[in-house]
Amino acid sequence: GAVWRCWARPRRPAQSSSSPVPLEPAAFRDYAAAEWAFTYTRSEIQLHNLDLGVVTGAKAFTLNFEARSTNWTAVEAFMTRFESSFKPPPS
């Protein structure tokens, strides 16, 4: 959690987040995980971003999903399928 918060903090100003969602603990199998979601505008396009951080012992992974906010529902379905198939290597 603390490492993830340190990583997330510097990105906020650069991303010009307009709708931040707090970093939240997340369920990802039996691993320690956290999600950080936010929206921002780039080149006048509203974007939605979700980062899922997963710690598997000595290794950490970030699954990052981003799409236009108008397409986010479709991306959520893809994200769910991707998360269910993601198999971190053994630590």
PDB file of N, CA and C in Angstrom:
ATOM      1  N   GLY A   1       0.799  -1.191   0.000  1.00  0.00           N
ATOM      2  CA  GLY A   1       0.000   0.000   0.000  1.00  0.00           C
ATOM      3  C   GLY A   1       0.843   1.258   0.000  1.00  0.00           C
ATOM      4  N   ALA A   2       1.828   1.367   0.908  1.00  0.00           N
ATOM      5  CA  ALA A   2       2.608   2.594   1.021  1.00  0.00           C
ATOM      6  C   ALA A   2       3.431   2.836  -0.239  1.00  0.00           C
ATOM      7  N   VAL A   3       4.038   1.793  -0.795  1.00  0.00           N
ATOM      8  CA  VAL A   3       4.827   1.952  -2.013  1.00  0.00           C
ATOM      9  C   VAL A   3       3.932   2.404  -3.148  1.00  0.00           C
ATOM     10  N   TRP A   4       2.741   1.819  -3.258  1.00  0.00           N
ATOM     11  CA  TRP A   4       1.803   2.181  -4.330  1.00  0.00           C
ATOM     12  C   TRP A   4       1.377   3.636  -4.191  1.00  0.00           C
ATOM     13  N   ARG A   5       1.112   4.085  -2.962  1.00  0.00           N
ATOM     14  CA  ARG A   5       0.725   5.483  -2.749  1.00  0.00           C
ATOM     15  C   ARG A   5       1.849   6.424  -3.162  1.00  0.00           C
ATOM     16  N   CYS A   6       3.091   6.076  -2.875  1.00  0.00           N
ATOM     17  CA  CYS A   6       4.225   6.919  -3.267  1.00  0.00           C
ATOM     18  C   CYS A   6       4.333   7.007  -4.781  1.00  0.00           C
ATOM     19  N   TRP A   7       4.048   5.920  -5.489  1.00  0.00           N
ATOM     20  CA  TRP A   7       4.105   5.922  -6.946  1.00  0.00           C
ATOM     21  C   TRP A   7       2.964   6.756  -7.524  1.00  0.00           C
ATOM     22  N   ALA A   8       1.780   6.646  -6.940  1.00  0.00           N
ATOM     23  CA  ALA A   8       0.601   7.312  -7.491  1.00  0.00           C
ATOM     24  C   ALA A   8       0.671   8.824  -7.320  1.00  0.00           C
ATOM     25  N   ARG A   9       1.180   9.299  -6.192  1.00  0.00           N
ATOM     26  CA  ARG A   9       1.185  10.725  -5.895  1.00  0.00           C
ATOM     27  C   ARG A   9       1.852  11.576  -6.979  1.00  0.00           C
ATOM     28  N   PRO A  10       3.063  11.236  -7.437  1.00  0.00           N
ATOM     29  CA  PRO A  10       3.692  12.101  -8.434  1.00  0.00           C
ATOM     30  C   PRO A  10       2.956  12.149  -9.763  1.00  0.00           C
ATOM     31  N   ARG A  11       2.201  11.137 -10.112  1.00  0.00           N
ATOM     32  CA  ARG A  11       1.512  11.114 -11.405  1.00  0.00           C
ATOM     33  C   ARG A  11       0.310  12.046 -11.439  1.00  0.00           C
ATOM     34  N   ARG A  12      -0.308  12.310 -10.307  1.00  0.00           N
ATOM     35  CA  ARG A  12      -1.534  13.101 -10.322  1.00  0.00           C
ATOM     36  C   ARG A  12      -1.388  14.447 -11.019  1.00  0.00           C
ATOM     37  N   PRO A  13      -0.405  15.291 -10.654  1.00  0.00           N
ATOM     38  CA  PRO A  13      -0.327  16.580 -11.337  1.00  0.00           C
ATOM     39  C   PRO A  13      -0.074  16.438 -12.837  1.00  0.00           C
ATOM     40  N   ALA A  14       0.778  15.499 -13.217  1.00  0.00           N
ATOM     41  CA  ALA A  14       1.093  15.322 -14.631  1.00  0.00           C
ATOM     42  C   ALA A  14      -0.129  14.847 -15.418  1.00  0.00           C
ATOM     43  N   GLN A  15      -0.998  14.089 -14.788  1.00  0.00           N
ATOM     44  CA  GLN A  15      -2.166  13.556 -15.474  1.00  0.00           C
ATOM     45  C   GLN A  15      -3.332  14.548 -15.506  1.00  0.00           C
ATOM     46  N   SER A  16      -3.243  15.638 -14.766  1.00  0.00           N
ATOM     47  CA  SER A  16      -4.340  16.608 -14.689  1.00  0.00           C
ATOM     48  C   SER A  16      -5.652  15.922 -14.342  1.00  0.00           C
ATOM     49  N   SER A  17      -5.623  15.130 -13.313  1.00  0.00           N
ATOM     50  CA  SER A  17      -6.786  14.352 -12.918  1.00  0.00           C
ATOM     51  C   SER A  17      -7.956  15.266 -12.606  1.00  0.00           C
ATOM     52  N   SER A  18      -9.117  14.962 -13.187  1.00  0.00           N
ATOM     53  CA  SER A  18     -10.293  15.771 -12.919  1.00  0.00           C
ATOM     54  C   SER A  18     -11.275  15.066 -12.004  1.00  0.00           C
ATOM     55  N   SER A  19     -11.210  13.753 -11.918  1.00  0.00           N
ATOM     56  CA  SER A  19     -12.118  12.992 -11.066  1.00  0.00           C
ATOM     57  C   SER A  19     -11.351  11.897 -10.350  1.00  0.00           C
ATOM     58  N   PRO A  20     -10.546  12.251  -9.354  1.00  0.00           N
ATOM     59  CA  PRO A  20      -9.760  11.210  -8.696  1.00  0.00           C
ATOM     60  C   PRO A  20     -10.629  10.271  -7.863  1.00  0.00           C
ATOM     61  N   VAL A  21     -10.242   9.030  -7.849  1.00  0.00           N
ATOM     62  CA  VAL A  21     -10.852   8.034  -6.983  1.00  0.00           C
ATOM     63  C   VAL A  21      -9.736   7.563  -6.063  1.00  0.00           C
ATOM     64  N   PRO A  22      -9.934   7.554  -4.767  1.00  0.00           N
ATOM     65  CA  PRO A  22      -8.841   7.189  -3.858  1.00  0.00           C
ATOM     66  C   PRO A  22      -8.283   5.801  -4.134  1.00  0.00           C
ATOM     67  N   LEU A  23      -7.018   5.645  -3.824  1.00  0.00           N
ATOM     68  CA  LEU A  23      -6.369   4.343  -3.877  1.00  0.00           C
ATOM     69  C   LEU A  23      -7.101   3.419  -2.917  1.00  0.00           C
ATOM     70  N   GLU A  24      -7.515   2.273  -3.406  1.00  0.00           N
ATOM     71  CA  GLU A  24      -8.311   1.352  -2.602  1.00  0.00           C
ATOM     72  C   GLU A  24      -7.681  -0.032  -2.602  1.00  0.00           C
ATOM     73  N   PRO A  25      -7.714  -0.726  -1.452  1.00  0.00           N
ATOM     74  CA  PRO A  25      -7.305  -2.137  -1.463  1.00  0.00           C
ATOM     75  C   PRO A  25      -8.195  -2.900  -2.440  1.00  0.00           C
ATOM     76  N   ALA A  26      -7.626  -3.881  -3.095  1.00  0.00           N
ATOM     77  CA  ALA A  26      -8.390  -4.639  -4.086  1.00  0.00           C
ATOM     78  C   ALA A  26      -8.195  -6.125  -3.851  1.00  0.00           C
ATOM     79  N   ALA A  27      -9.186  -6.887  -4.239  1.00  0.00           N
ATOM     80  CA  ALA A  27      -9.076  -8.342  -4.173  1.00  0.00           C
ATOM     81  C   ALA A  27      -8.517  -8.825  -5.504  1.00  0.00           C
ATOM     82  N   PHE A  28      -7.394  -9.495  -5.453  1.00  0.00           N
ATOM     83  CA  PHE A  28      -6.842 -10.117  -6.652  1.00  0.00           C
ATOM     84  C   PHE A  28      -6.271 -11.461  -6.237  1.00  0.00           C
ATOM     85  N   ARG A  29      -7.095 -12.472  -6.353  1.00  0.00           N
ATOM     86  CA  ARG A  29      -6.754 -13.821  -5.910  1.00  0.00           C
ATOM     87  C   ARG A  29      -6.286 -13.753  -4.461  1.00  0.00           C
ATOM     88  N   ASP A  30      -5.147 -14.346  -4.153  1.00  0.00           N
ATOM     89  CA  ASP A  30      -4.650 -14.319  -2.772  1.00  0.00           C
ATOM     90  C   ASP A  30      -3.508 -13.326  -2.598  1.00  0.00           C
ATOM     91  N   TYR A  31      -3.348 -12.388  -3.515  1.00  0.00           N
ATOM     92  CA  TYR A  31      -2.238 -11.446  -3.480  1.00  0.00           C
ATOM     93  C   TYR A  31      -2.663 -10.108  -2.879  1.00  0.00           C
ATOM     94  N   ALA A  32      -1.686  -9.396  -2.323  1.00  0.00           N
ATOM     95  CA  ALA A  32      -1.916  -8.024  -1.883  1.00  0.00           C
ATOM     96  C   ALA A  32      -2.076  -7.174  -3.145  1.00  0.00           C
ATOM     97  N   ALA A  33      -3.100  -6.345  -3.176  1.00  0.00           N
ATOM     98  CA  ALA A  33      -3.358  -5.548  -4.375  1.00  0.00           C
ATOM     99  C   ALA A  33      -4.028  -4.229  -3.999  1.00  0.00           C
ATOM    100  N   ALA A  34      -3.943  -3.282  -4.930  1.00  0.00           N
ATOM    101  CA  ALA A  34      -4.612  -1.990  -4.756  1.00  0.00           C
ATOM    102  C   ALA A  34      -4.993  -1.471  -6.132  1.00  0.00           C
ATOM    103  N   GLU A  35      -6.094  -0.707  -6.171  1.00  0.00           N
ATOM    104  CA  GLU A  35      -6.546  -0.084  -7.418  1.00  0.00           C
ATOM    105  C   GLU A  35      -6.489   1.426  -7.266  1.00  0.00           C
ATOM    106  N   TRP A  36      -6.145   2.085  -8.352  1.00  0.00           N
ATOM    107  CA  TRP A  36      -6.164   3.535  -8.387  1.00  0.00           C
ATOM    108  C   TRP A  36      -6.837   3.935  -9.685  1.00  0.00           C
ATOM    109  N   ALA A  37      -7.944   4.630  -9.612  1.00  0.00           N
ATOM    110  CA  ALA A  37      -8.696   5.033 -10.794  1.00  0.00           C
ATOM    111  C   ALA A  37      -8.811   6.546 -10.836  1.00  0.00           C
ATOM    112  N   PHE A  38      -8.775   7.074 -12.057  1.00  0.00           N
ATOM    113  CA  PHE A  38      -8.928   8.516 -12.225  1.00  0.00           C
ATOM    114  C   PHE A  38      -9.318   8.798 -13.670  1.00  0.00           C
ATOM    115  N   THR A  39      -9.835  10.001 -13.891  1.00  0.00           N
ATOM    116  CA  THR A  39     -10.107  10.477 -15.244  1.00  0.00           C
ATOM    117  C   THR A  39      -9.271  11.730 -15.458  1.00  0.00           C
ATOM    118  N   TYR A  40      -8.959  12.002 -16.709  1.00  0.00           N
ATOM    119  CA  TYR A  40      -8.231  13.221 -17.043  1.00  0.00           C
ATOM    120  C   TYR A  40      -8.469  13.545 -18.513  1.00  0.00           C
ATOM    121  N   THR A  41      -8.079  14.734 -18.896  1.00  0.00           N
ATOM    122  CA  THR A  41      -8.258  15.185 -20.269  1.00  0.00           C
ATOM    123  C   THR A  41      -6.895  15.339 -20.927  1.00  0.00           C
ATOM    124  N   ARG A  42      -6.762  14.767 -22.126  1.00  0.00           N
ATOM    125  CA  ARG A  42      -5.546  14.917 -22.928  1.00  0.00           C
ATOM    126  C   ARG A  42      -5.985  15.230 -24.348  1.00  0.00           C
ATOM    127  N   SER A  43      -5.475  16.303 -24.898  1.00  0.00           N
ATOM    128  CA  SER A  43      -5.839  16.735 -26.259  1.00  0.00           C
ATOM    129  C   SER A  43      -7.355  16.847 -26.410  1.00  0.00           C
ATOM    130  N   GLU A  44      -7.984  17.407 -25.388  1.00  0.00           N
ATOM    131  CA  GLU A  44      -9.440  17.636 -25.362  1.00  0.00           C
ATOM    132  C   GLU A  44     -10.269  16.347 -25.380  1.00  0.00           C
ATOM    133  N   ILE A  45      -9.667  15.223 -25.033  1.00  0.00           N
ATOM    134  CA  ILE A  45     -10.378  13.945 -24.955  1.00  0.00           C
ATOM    135  C   ILE A  45     -10.391  13.501 -23.502  1.00  0.00           C
ATOM    136  N   GLN A  46     -11.584  13.202 -22.984  1.00  0.00           N
ATOM    137  CA  GLN A  46     -11.723  12.726 -21.607  1.00  0.00           C
ATOM    138  C   GLN A  46     -11.340  11.253 -21.554  1.00  0.00           C
ATOM    139  N   LEU A  47     -10.349  10.926 -20.716  1.00  0.00           N
ATOM    140  CA  LEU A  47      -9.852   9.561 -20.588  1.00  0.00           C
ATOM    141  C   LEU A  47     -10.108   9.025 -19.187  1.00  0.00           C
ATOM    142  N   HIS A  48     -10.300   7.731 -19.095  1.00  0.00           N
ATOM    143  CA  HIS A  48     -10.512   7.033 -17.828  1.00  0.00           C
ATOM    144  C   HIS A  48      -9.358   6.046 -17.689  1.00  0.00           C
ATOM    145  N   ASN A  49      -8.768   5.977 -16.508  1.00  0.00           N
ATOM    146  CA  ASN A  49      -7.612   5.114 -16.277  1.00  0.00           C
ATOM    147  C   ASN A  49      -7.829   4.306 -15.008  1.00  0.00           C
ATOM    148  N   LEU A  50      -7.415   3.055 -15.035  1.00  0.00           N
ATOM    149  CA  LEU A  50      -7.433   2.212 -13.847  1.00  0.00           C
ATOM    150  C   LEU A  50      -6.108   1.469 -13.783  1.00  0.00           C
ATOM    151  N   ASP A  51      -5.410   1.604 -12.672  1.00  0.00           N
ATOM    152  CA  ASP A  51      -4.181   0.864 -12.408  1.00  0.00           C
ATOM    153  C   ASP A  51      -4.472  -0.148 -11.314  1.00  0.00           C
ATOM    154  N   LEU A  52      -4.119  -1.396 -11.558  1.00  0.00           N
ATOM    155  CA  LEU A  52      -4.227  -2.441 -10.552  1.00  0.00           C
ATOM    156  C   LEU A  52      -2.814  -2.872 -10.207  1.00  0.00           C
ATOM    157  N   GLY A  53      -2.384  -2.619  -8.984  1.00  0.00           N
ATOM    158  CA  GLY A  53      -1.068  -3.033  -8.516  1.00  0.00           C
ATOM    159  C   GLY A  53      -1.191  -4.332  -7.752  1.00  0.00           C
ATOM    160  N   VAL A  54      -0.343  -5.297  -8.072  1.00  0.00           N
ATOM    161  CA  VAL A  54      -0.383  -6.626  -7.457  1.00  0.00           C
ATOM    162  C   VAL A  54       1.013  -6.968  -6.952  1.00  0.00           C
ATOM    163  N   VAL A  55       1.112  -7.394  -5.699  1.00  0.00           N
ATOM    164  CA  VAL A  55       2.383  -7.819  -5.123  1.00  0.00           C
ATOM    165  C   VAL A  55       2.318  -9.319  -4.895  1.00  0.00           C
ATOM    166  N   THR A  56       3.297 -10.035  -5.469  1.00  0.00           N
ATOM    167  CA  THR A  56       3.317 -11.501  -5.381  1.00  0.00           C
ATOM    168  C   THR A  56       4.602 -11.946  -4.709  1.00  0.00           C
ATOM    169  N   GLY A  57       4.765 -11.597  -3.464  1.00  0.00           N
ATOM    170  CA  GLY A  57       6.007 -11.919  -2.766  1.00  0.00           C
ATOM    171  C   GLY A  57       7.071 -10.908  -3.125  1.00  0.00           C
ATOM    172  N   ALA A  58       8.124 -11.365  -3.818  1.00  0.00           N
ATOM    173  CA  ALA A  58       9.241 -10.481  -4.165  1.00  0.00           C
ATOM    174  C   ALA A  58       8.990  -9.672  -5.433  1.00  0.00           C
ATOM    175  N   LYS A  59       7.913  -9.941  -6.147  1.00  0.00           N
ATOM    176  CA  LYS A  59       7.636  -9.254  -7.409  1.00  0.00           C
ATOM    177  C   LYS A  59       6.376  -8.408  -7.290  1.00  0.00           C
ATOM    178  N   ALA A  60       6.339  -7.332  -8.086  1.00  0.00           N
ATOM    179  CA  ALA A  60       5.152  -6.471  -8.146  1.00  0.00           C
ATOM    180  C   ALA A  60       4.818  -6.226  -9.612  1.00  0.00           C
ATOM    181  N   PHE A  61       3.535  -6.147  -9.899  1.00  0.00           N
ATOM    182  CA  PHE A  61       3.051  -5.944 -11.257  1.00  0.00           C
ATOM    183  C   PHE A  61       2.013  -4.836 -11.255  1.00  0.00           C
ATOM    184  N   THR A  62       1.931  -4.135 -12.366  1.00  0.00           N
ATOM    185  CA  THR A  62       0.884  -3.144 -12.552  1.00  0.00           C
ATOM    186  C   THR A  62       0.134  -3.491 -13.824  1.00  0.00           C
ATOM    187  N   LEU A  63      -1.162  -3.658 -13.703  1.00  0.00           N
ATOM    188  CA  LEU A  63      -2.020  -3.829 -14.867  1.00  0.00           C
ATOM    189  C   LEU A  63      -2.694  -2.479 -15.070  1.00  0.00           C
ATOM    190  N   ASN A  64      -2.470  -1.877 -16.223  1.00  0.00           N
ATOM    191  CA  ASN A  64      -2.984  -0.539 -16.478  1.00  0.00           C
ATOM    192  C   ASN A  64      -3.971  -0.592 -17.628  1.00  0.00           C
ATOM    193  N   PHE A  65      -5.135  -0.008 -17.399  1.00  0.00           N
ATOM    194  CA  PHE A  65      -6.175   0.040 -18.428  1.00  0.00           C
ATOM    195  C   PHE A  65      -6.570   1.496 -18.625  1.00  0.00           C
ATOM    196  N   GLU A  66      -6.643   1.917 -19.884  1.00  0.00           N
ATOM    197  CA  GLU A  66      -7.021   3.291 -20.189  1.00  0.00           C
ATOM    198  C   GLU A  66      -7.853   3.315 -21.451  1.00  0.00           C
ATOM    199  N   ALA A  67      -8.865   4.167 -21.455  1.00  0.00           N
ATOM    200  CA  ALA A  67      -9.724   4.307 -22.627  1.00  0.00           C
ATOM    201  C   ALA A  67     -10.429   5.649 -22.557  1.00  0.00           C
ATOM    202  N   ARG A  68     -11.012   6.033 -23.661  1.00  0.00           N
ATOM    203  CA  ARG A  68     -11.881   7.207 -23.636  1.00  0.00           C
ATOM    204  C   ARG A  68     -13.002   6.927 -22.645  1.00  0.00           C
ATOM    205  N   SER A  69     -13.376   7.929 -21.908  1.00  0.00           N
ATOM    206  CA  SER A  69     -14.436   7.740 -20.911  1.00  0.00           C
ATOM    207  C   SER A  69     -15.716   7.213 -21.546  1.00  0.00           C
ATOM    208  N   THR A  70     -16.006   7.624 -22.782  1.00  0.00           N
ATOM    209  CA  THR A  70     -17.218   7.153 -23.460  1.00  0.00           C
ATOM    210  C   THR A  70     -17.164   5.664 -23.788  1.00  0.00           C
ATOM    211  N   ASN A  71     -15.958   5.063 -23.794  1.00  0.00           N
ATOM    212  CA  ASN A  71     -15.799   3.637 -24.098  1.00  0.00           C
ATOM    213  C   ASN A  71     -15.513   2.797 -22.861  1.00  0.00           C
ATOM    214  N   TRP A  72     -15.567   3.404 -21.674  1.00  0.00           N
ATOM    215  CA  TRP A  72     -15.095   2.721 -20.472  1.00  0.00           C
ATOM    216  C   TRP A  72     -15.863   1.440 -20.163  1.00  0.00           C
ATOM    217  N   THR A  73     -17.141   1.381 -20.402  1.00  0.00           N
ATOM    218  CA  THR A  73     -17.928   0.178 -20.105  1.00  0.00           C
ATOM    219  C   THR A  73     -17.382  -1.026 -20.873  1.00  0.00           C
ATOM    220  N   ALA A  74     -17.055  -0.842 -22.137  1.00  0.00           N
ATOM    221  CA  ALA A  74     -16.491  -1.937 -22.932  1.00  0.00           C
ATOM    222  C   ALA A  74     -15.120  -2.339 -22.410  1.00  0.00           C
ATOM    223  N   VAL A  75     -14.325  -1.375 -21.985  1.00  0.00           N
ATOM    224  CA  VAL A  75     -12.993  -1.662 -21.464  1.00  0.00           C
ATOM    225  C   VAL A  75     -13.091  -2.429 -20.149  1.00  0.00           C
ATOM    226  N   GLU A  76     -14.055  -2.092 -19.317  1.00  0.00           N
ATOM    227  CA  GLU A  76     -14.229  -2.822 -18.049  1.00  0.00           C
ATOM    228  C   GLU A  76     -14.449  -4.311 -18.297  1.00  0.00           C
ATOM    229  N   ALA A  77     -15.238  -4.657 -19.296  1.00  0.00           N
ATOM    230  CA  ALA A  77     -15.474  -6.074 -19.611  1.00  0.00           C
ATOM    231  C   ALA A  77     -14.173  -6.741 -20.059  1.00  0.00           C
ATOM    232  N   PHE A  78     -13.408  -6.072 -20.914  1.00  0.00           N
ATOM    233  CA  PHE A  78     -12.115  -6.595 -21.346  1.00  0.00           C
ATOM    234  C   PHE A  78     -11.165  -6.735 -20.160  1.00  0.00           C
ATOM    235  N   MET A  79     -11.144  -5.725 -19.298  1.00  0.00           N
ATOM    236  CA  MET A  79     -10.278  -5.729 -18.120  1.00  0.00           C
ATOM    237  C   MET A  79     -10.582  -6.930 -17.226  1.00  0.00           C
ATOM    238  N   THR A  80     -11.827  -7.218 -16.999  1.00  0.00           N
ATOM    239  CA  THR A  80     -12.226  -8.358 -16.170  1.00  0.00           C
ATOM    240  C   THR A  80     -11.708  -9.664 -16.769  1.00  0.00           C
ATOM    241  N   ARG A  81     -11.844  -9.823 -18.079  1.00  0.00           N
ATOM    242  CA  ARG A  81     -11.330 -11.039 -18.743  1.00  0.00           C
ATOM    243  C   ARG A  81      -9.810 -11.113 -18.633  1.00  0.00           C
ATOM    244  N   PHE A  82      -9.124  -9.989 -18.826  1.00  0.00           N
ATOM    245  CA  PHE A  82      -7.671  -9.977 -18.742  1.00  0.00           C
ATOM    246  C   PHE A  82      -7.206 -10.319 -17.333  1.00  0.00           C
ATOM    247  N   GLU A  83      -7.816  -9.703 -16.325  1.00  0.00           N
ATOM    248  CA  GLU A  83      -7.436  -9.984 -14.938  1.00  0.00           C
ATOM    249  C   GLU A  83      -7.615 -11.459 -14.602  1.00  0.00           C
ATOM    250  N   SER A  84      -8.680 -12.072 -15.108  1.00  0.00           N
ATOM    251  CA  SER A  84      -8.922 -13.476 -14.778  1.00  0.00           C
ATOM    252  C   SER A  84      -7.898 -14.400 -15.445  1.00  0.00           C
ATOM    253  N   SER A  85      -7.269 -13.948 -16.526  1.00  0.00           N
ATOM    254  CA  SER A  85      -6.291 -14.790 -17.203  1.00  0.00           C
ATOM    255  C   SER A  85      -4.842 -14.479 -16.795  1.00  0.00           C
ATOM    256  N   PHE A  86      -4.616 -13.380 -16.075  1.00  0.00           N
ATOM    257  CA  PHE A  86      -3.272 -12.984 -15.692  1.00  0.00           C
ATOM    258  C   PHE A  86      -2.725 -13.946 -14.632  1.00  0.00           C
ATOM    259  N   LYS A  87      -1.584 -14.554 -14.913  1.00  0.00           N
ATOM    260  CA  LYS A  87      -0.942 -15.491 -13.987  1.00  0.00           C
ATOM    261  C   LYS A  87       0.479 -14.995 -13.709  1.00  0.00           C
ATOM    262  N   PRO A  88       0.672 -14.365 -12.548  1.00  0.00           N
ATOM    263  CA  PRO A  88       2.033 -13.912 -12.236  1.00  0.00           C
ATOM    264  C   PRO A  88       2.979 -15.086 -12.099  1.00  0.00           C
ATOM    265  N   PRO A  89       4.252 -14.913 -12.525  1.00  0.00           N
ATOM    266  CA  PRO A  89       5.211 -16.003 -12.350  1.00  0.00           C
ATOM    267  C   PRO A  89       5.475 -16.244 -10.868  1.00  0.00           C
ATOM    268  N   PRO A  90       5.923 -17.434 -10.514  1.00  0.00           N
ATOM    269  CA  PRO A  90       6.195 -17.712  -9.106  1.00  0.00           C
ATOM    270  C   PRO A  90       7.297 -16.784  -8.574  1.00  0.00           C
ATOM    271  N   SER A  91       7.163 -16.399  -7.311  1.00  0.00           N
ATOM    272  CA  SER A  91       8.172 -15.520  -6.697  1.00  0.00           C
ATOM    273  C   SER A  91       9.399 -16.304  -6.301  1.00  0.00           C
TER     274      SER A  91
END
